[in-house]
Protein backbone atom coordinates (compact mmCIF):
# COMPACT_ATOMS: atom_id res chain seq x y z
CA MET A 1 15.06 1.27 -12.68
CA SER A 2 15.54 2.62 -9.18
CA ARG A 3 13.08 1.69 -6.48
CA GLU A 4 11.32 4.37 -4.51
CA GLU A 5 10.50 4.42 -0.84
CA LEU A 6 6.86 4.02 0.09
CA LEU A 7 5.08 7.18 1.12
CA PRO A 8 4.44 7.21 4.86
CA GLY A 9 1.09 5.69 5.69
CA THR A 10 0.64 3.83 2.40
CA LEU A 11 1.85 0.33 3.33
CA HIS A 12 -1.46 -0.77 4.91
CA LEU A 13 -3.34 0.62 1.91
CA LEU A 14 -1.14 -1.32 -0.51
CA ILE A 15 -1.49 -4.55 1.47
CA LEU A 16 -5.26 -4.19 1.78
CA LYS A 17 -5.63 -3.46 -1.93
CA THR A 18 -3.42 -6.41 -2.85
CA LEU A 19 -5.48 -8.78 -0.70
CA ALA A 20 -8.74 -7.28 -2.03
CA ARG A 21 -7.93 -8.81 -5.40
CA GLY A 22 -9.32 -12.00 -3.91
CA ALA A 23 -6.71 -14.64 -3.31
CA GLN A 24 -5.14 -15.65 -0.01
CA MET A 25 -1.48 -14.75 -0.14
CA HIS A 26 1.57 -15.30 2.00
CA GLY A 27 3.87 -12.40 2.82
CA TYR A 28 6.33 -12.93 -0.01
CA GLU A 29 3.44 -13.09 -2.52
CA ILE A 30 2.03 -9.81 -1.18
CA ALA A 31 5.40 -8.07 -1.48
CA ARG A 32 6.04 -9.53 -4.92
CA SER A 33 2.57 -8.53 -6.15
CA ILE A 34 3.09 -4.91 -5.05
CA GLN A 35 6.48 -4.88 -6.75
CA GLN A 36 5.14 -6.36 -10.00
CA ILE A 37 2.03 -4.17 -10.23
CA SER A 38 4.15 -1.07 -9.56
CA GLN A 39 6.48 -2.19 -12.36
CA ASP A 40 9.37 -2.59 -9.92
CA VAL A 41 9.09 0.96 -8.55
CA LEU A 42 7.84 -0.07 -5.10
CA GLN A 43 9.54 -2.69 -2.99
CA VAL A 44 8.18 -3.75 0.38
CA GLU A 45 10.90 -5.00 2.69
CA GLU A 46 10.26 -7.89 5.10
CA GLY A 47 11.16 -5.63 8.02
CA SER A 48 8.18 -3.44 7.17
CA LEU A 49 5.77 -6.00 5.74
CA TYR A 50 5.50 -8.51 8.58
CA PRO A 51 5.06 -5.96 11.39
CA ALA A 52 2.35 -4.27 9.28
CA LEU A 53 0.59 -7.60 8.73
CA GLN A 54 0.78 -8.30 12.47
CA ARG A 55 -0.78 -4.90 13.27
CA MET A 56 -3.51 -5.60 10.72
CA LEU A 57 -4.17 -9.02 12.29
CA ILE A 58 -4.54 -7.46 15.72
CA LYS A 59 -6.93 -4.80 14.38
CA GLY A 60 -8.98 -7.43 12.53
CA GLY A 61 -8.36 -6.19 8.98
CA VAL A 62 -6.85 -9.49 7.91
CA LYS A 63 -7.03 -13.11 9.02
CA ALA A 64 -4.22 -15.61 8.71
CA GLU A 65 -3.91 -19.37 8.44
CA TRP A 66 -0.87 -21.59 8.18
CA GLY A 67 -0.49 -23.54 4.97
CA ALA A 68 2.07 -24.85 2.50
CA THR A 69 3.51 -23.01 -0.49
CA ALA A 70 3.83 -24.54 -3.97
CA GLU A 71 7.34 -25.57 -2.88
CA ASN A 72 5.82 -27.33 0.16
CA ARG A 73 7.21 -24.77 2.60
CA ARG A 74 5.21 -23.68 5.63
CA ALA A 75 3.81 -20.17 5.24
CA ARG A 76 1.19 -17.96 6.80
CA TYR A 77 -1.56 -17.06 4.33
CA TYR A 78 -3.43 -13.79 4.75
CA ARG A 79 -6.88 -12.80 3.56
CA LEU A 80 -8.98 -9.70 3.86
CA THR A 81 -11.84 -9.57 6.37
CA PRO A 82 -15.04 -7.52 6.01
CA ALA A 83 -13.48 -5.01 8.44
CA GLY A 84 -10.41 -4.91 6.20
CA ARG A 85 -12.59 -4.11 3.18
CA LYS A 86 -14.12 -1.18 5.07
CA GLN A 87 -10.66 -0.03 6.16
CA LEU A 88 -9.47 -0.21 2.54
CA GLU A 89 -12.23 2.21 1.49
CA VAL A 90 -11.38 4.59 4.35
CA GLU A 91 -7.66 4.52 3.55
CA LYS A 92 -8.26 4.94 -0.20
CA THR A 93 -10.42 8.00 0.45
CA GLN A 94 -7.83 9.50 2.80
CA PHE A 95 -5.02 8.80 0.33
CA GLU A 96 -6.93 10.39 -2.56
CA ARG A 97 -7.60 13.51 -0.44
CA VAL A 98 -3.92 13.82 0.43
CA ILE A 99 -2.79 13.33 -3.18
CA GLN A 100 -5.30 15.96 -4.37
CA ALA A 101 -4.09 18.38 -1.70
CA ILE A 102 -0.45 17.80 -2.66
CA GLY A 103 -1.41 18.39 -6.29
CA ARG A 104 -3.07 21.69 -5.37
CA VAL A 105 0.01 22.82 -3.46
CA ILE A 106 2.33 21.89 -6.33
CA GLN A 107 0.05 23.52 -8.89
CA ASN A 108 -0.24 26.64 -6.73
CA ARG A 109 3.54 26.86 -6.59
CA VAL A 110 3.70 26.69 -10.37
CA ASN A 111 0.95 29.29 -10.71
CA ARG A 112 2.71 31.51 -8.14
CA LYS A 113 5.92 31.44 -10.21
CA ARG A 114 3.92 32.54 -13.26
CA LEU A 115 2.36 35.39 -11.27
CA ASP A 116 5.77 36.47 -9.94
CA LYS A 117 7.15 36.63 -13.51
CA ARG A 118 4.20 38.76 -14.66
CA GLU A 119 4.64 41.18 -11.78
CA SER A 120 8.32 41.76 -12.58
């Protein structure tokens, strides 16, 4: 199955939601979780993921600690902060509003085509 590009503005939302599931995760685990849950439709590239995590660290939405992976490799583990939980709710609400608006525009287009056929 082909992989789709992320919609602009959704990467932070996906990261926050992934971390909200409770466990601390390192970057690869976050990316892999998004890919698995989306059934391989969404793939987060390292070049997008790590800068987004850094921005989220600076803004206080996530915290990070160094630790070791199951393979005993050094990795930075991320977890959601209370501010990140609040941001998740804000971003979810904004995303839902945008998706509803897009749906209305698409539906209107379909309805408009039906009206145009009736007028002919």
